[in-house]
Amino acid sequence: MFALDTYGLLGALVMLVIGAIDYVVIKKVAYGRIVERYRRAQRDGESSIHPETVMNLVMVVSLIVFPLIGYGFGSKLASGFGGG
């Protein structure tokens, strides 16, 4: 079992904020292009990934995977400083 340490939680919090900002920016900037590409593929009879599937994947990566990476990085950082 792992122990919750301060550096790990701080790293997770920082990466959660970065992930949330990343999700909002991608939603604002890229979502329109993704929908346009999907509609063009549907019109031309080609296959394409549904835009909501793409955004769900981005959301999972941004809001779940990023904080886990941040926690691991924060824990490694703490052990490098002799803390944690």
C-alpha atoms as a PDB file:
ATOM      1  CA  MET A   1       0.000   0.000   0.000  1.00  0.00           C
ATOM      2  CA  PHE A   2       1.242   3.488  -0.712  1.00  0.00           C
ATOM      3  CA  ALA A   3       1.270   6.409   1.661  1.00  0.00           C
ATOM      4  CA  LEU A   4      -0.047   9.829   0.710  1.00  0.00           C
ATOM      5  CA  ASP A   5       2.762  12.322   0.841  1.00  0.00           C
ATOM      6  CA  THR A   6       2.741  16.102   0.551  1.00  0.00           C
ATOM      7  CA  TYR A   7       4.895  16.325  -2.575  1.00  0.00           C
ATOM      8  CA  GLY A   8       2.806  13.686  -4.330  1.00  0.00           C
ATOM      9  CA  LEU A   9      -0.446  15.465  -3.525  1.00  0.00           C
ATOM     10  CA  LEU A  10       1.017  18.798  -4.578  1.00  0.00           C
ATOM     11  CA  GLY A  11       2.186  17.277  -7.863  1.00  0.00           C
ATOM     12  CA  ALA A  12      -1.263  15.745  -8.423  1.00  0.00           C
ATOM     13  CA  LEU A  13      -2.964  19.076  -7.708  1.00  0.00           C
ATOM     14  CA  VAL A  14      -0.680  20.965 -10.095  1.00  0.00           C
ATOM     15  CA  MET A  15      -1.240  18.410 -12.849  1.00  0.00           C
ATOM     16  CA  LEU A  16      -5.004  18.444 -12.202  1.00  0.00           C
ATOM     17  CA  VAL A  17      -5.053  22.200 -12.751  1.00  0.00           C
ATOM     18  CA  ILE A  18      -2.919  21.829 -15.888  1.00  0.00           C
ATOM     19  CA  GLY A  19      -5.206  19.029 -17.109  1.00  0.00           C
ATOM     20  CA  ALA A  20      -8.348  21.089 -16.519  1.00  0.00           C
ATOM     21  CA  ILE A  21      -6.877  24.042 -18.416  1.00  0.00           C
ATOM     22  CA  ASP A  22      -5.768  21.662 -21.175  1.00  0.00           C
ATOM     23  CA  TYR A  23      -9.279  20.212 -21.472  1.00  0.00           C
ATOM     24  CA  VAL A  24     -10.922  23.643 -21.656  1.00  0.00           C
ATOM     25  CA  VAL A  25      -8.451  24.888 -24.277  1.00  0.00           C
ATOM     26  CA  ILE A  26      -8.851  21.779 -26.432  1.00  0.00           C
ATOM     27  CA  LYS A  27     -12.644  21.989 -26.104  1.00  0.00           C
ATOM     28  CA  LYS A  28     -12.604  25.632 -27.249  1.00  0.00           C
ATOM     29  CA  VAL A  29      -9.964  25.380 -29.975  1.00  0.00           C
ATOM     30  CA  ALA A  30     -10.102  21.888 -31.473  1.00  0.00           C
ATOM     31  CA  TYR A  31     -13.677  20.682 -30.912  1.00  0.00           C
ATOM     32  CA  GLY A  32     -15.087  22.646 -33.854  1.00  0.00           C
ATOM     33  CA  ARG A  33     -12.487  21.193 -36.201  1.00  0.00           C
ATOM     34  CA  ILE A  34     -13.132  17.682 -34.903  1.00  0.00           C
ATOM     35  CA  VAL A  35     -16.876  18.052 -35.509  1.00  0.00           C
ATOM     36  CA  GLU A  36     -16.262  19.513 -38.962  1.00  0.00           C
ATOM     37  CA  ARG A  37     -13.987  16.616 -39.900  1.00  0.00           C
ATOM     38  CA  TYR A  38     -16.549  14.107 -38.559  1.00  0.00           C
ATOM     39  CA  ARG A  39     -19.397  15.668 -40.554  1.00  0.00           C
ATOM     40  CA  ARG A  40     -17.278  15.779 -43.712  1.00  0.00           C
ATOM     41  CA  ALA A  41     -16.403  12.086 -43.282  1.00  0.00           C
ATOM     42  CA  GLN A  42     -20.056  11.201 -42.734  1.00  0.00           C
ATOM     43  CA  ARG A  43     -21.064  13.166 -45.825  1.00  0.00           C
ATOM     44  CA  ASP A  44     -18.406  11.473 -47.956  1.00  0.00           C
ATOM     45  CA  GLY A  45     -19.230   8.004 -46.636  1.00  0.00           C
ATOM     46  CA  GLU A  46     -15.935   7.544 -44.822  1.00  0.00           C
ATOM     47  CA  SER A  47     -15.477   6.335 -41.300  1.00  0.00           C
ATOM     48  CA  SER A  48     -14.449   8.701 -38.536  1.00  0.00           C
ATOM     49  CA  ILE A  49     -14.374   8.704 -34.749  1.00  0.00           C
ATOM     50  CA  HIS A  50     -17.327  10.460 -33.120  1.00  0.00           C
ATOM     51  CA  PRO A  51     -16.321  13.850 -31.646  1.00  0.00           C
ATOM     52  CA  GLU A  52     -17.711  13.023 -28.191  1.00  0.00           C
ATOM     53  CA  THR A  53     -15.522   9.909 -28.084  1.00  0.00           C
ATOM     54  CA  VAL A  54     -12.462  12.031 -28.794  1.00  0.00           C
ATOM     55  CA  MET A  55     -13.429  14.579 -26.132  1.00  0.00           C
ATOM     56  CA  ASN A  56     -14.126  11.822 -23.582  1.00  0.00           C
ATOM     57  CA  LEU A  57     -10.647  10.440 -24.205  1.00  0.00           C
ATOM     58  CA  VAL A  58      -9.140  13.905 -23.777  1.00  0.00           C
ATOM     59  CA  MET A  59     -11.122  14.363 -20.555  1.00  0.00           C
ATOM     60  CA  VAL A  60      -9.923  11.049 -19.101  1.00  0.00           C
ATOM     61  CA  VAL A  61      -6.313  11.832 -19.946  1.00  0.00           C
ATOM     62  CA  SER A  62      -6.519  15.417 -18.691  1.00  0.00           C
ATOM     63  CA  LEU A  63      -8.433  14.821 -15.463  1.00  0.00           C
ATOM     64  CA  ILE A  64      -7.329  11.325 -14.426  1.00  0.00           C
ATOM     65  CA  VAL A  65      -4.026  10.390 -16.064  1.00  0.00           C
ATOM     66  CA  PHE A  66      -2.331  13.791 -15.613  1.00  0.00           C
ATOM     67  CA  PRO A  67      -2.921  13.878 -11.820  1.00  0.00           C
ATOM     68  CA  LEU A  68      -1.660  10.300 -11.478  1.00  0.00           C
ATOM     69  CA  ILE A  69       1.498  11.241 -13.345  1.00  0.00           C
ATOM     70  CA  GLY A  70       1.796  14.344 -11.158  1.00  0.00           C
ATOM     71  CA  TYR A  71       1.447  12.259  -8.003  1.00  0.00           C
ATOM     72  CA  GLY A  72       4.162   9.875  -9.159  1.00  0.00           C
ATOM     73  CA  PHE A  73       6.435  12.713 -10.203  1.00  0.00           C
ATOM     74  CA  GLY A  74       5.854  14.536  -6.900  1.00  0.00           C
ATOM     75  CA  SER A  75       6.669  11.390  -4.943  1.00  0.00           C
ATOM     76  CA  LYS A  76       9.885  10.874  -6.923  1.00  0.00           C
ATOM     77  CA  LEU A  77      10.751  14.530  -6.389  1.00  0.00           C
ATOM     78  CA  ALA A  78      10.240  14.113  -2.628  1.00  0.00           C
ATOM     79  CA  SER A  79      12.487  11.055  -2.498  1.00  0.00           C
ATOM     80  CA  GLY A  80      15.113  12.961  -4.466  1.00  0.00           C
ATOM     81  CA  PHE A  81      15.087  15.679  -1.821  1.00  0.00           C
ATOM     82  CA  GLY A  82      15.155  13.139   0.987  1.00  0.00           C
ATOM     83  CA  GLY A  83      11.612  13.974   2.070  1.00  0.00           C
ATOM     84  CA  GLY A  84       8.319  12.170   1.814  1.00  0.00           C
END
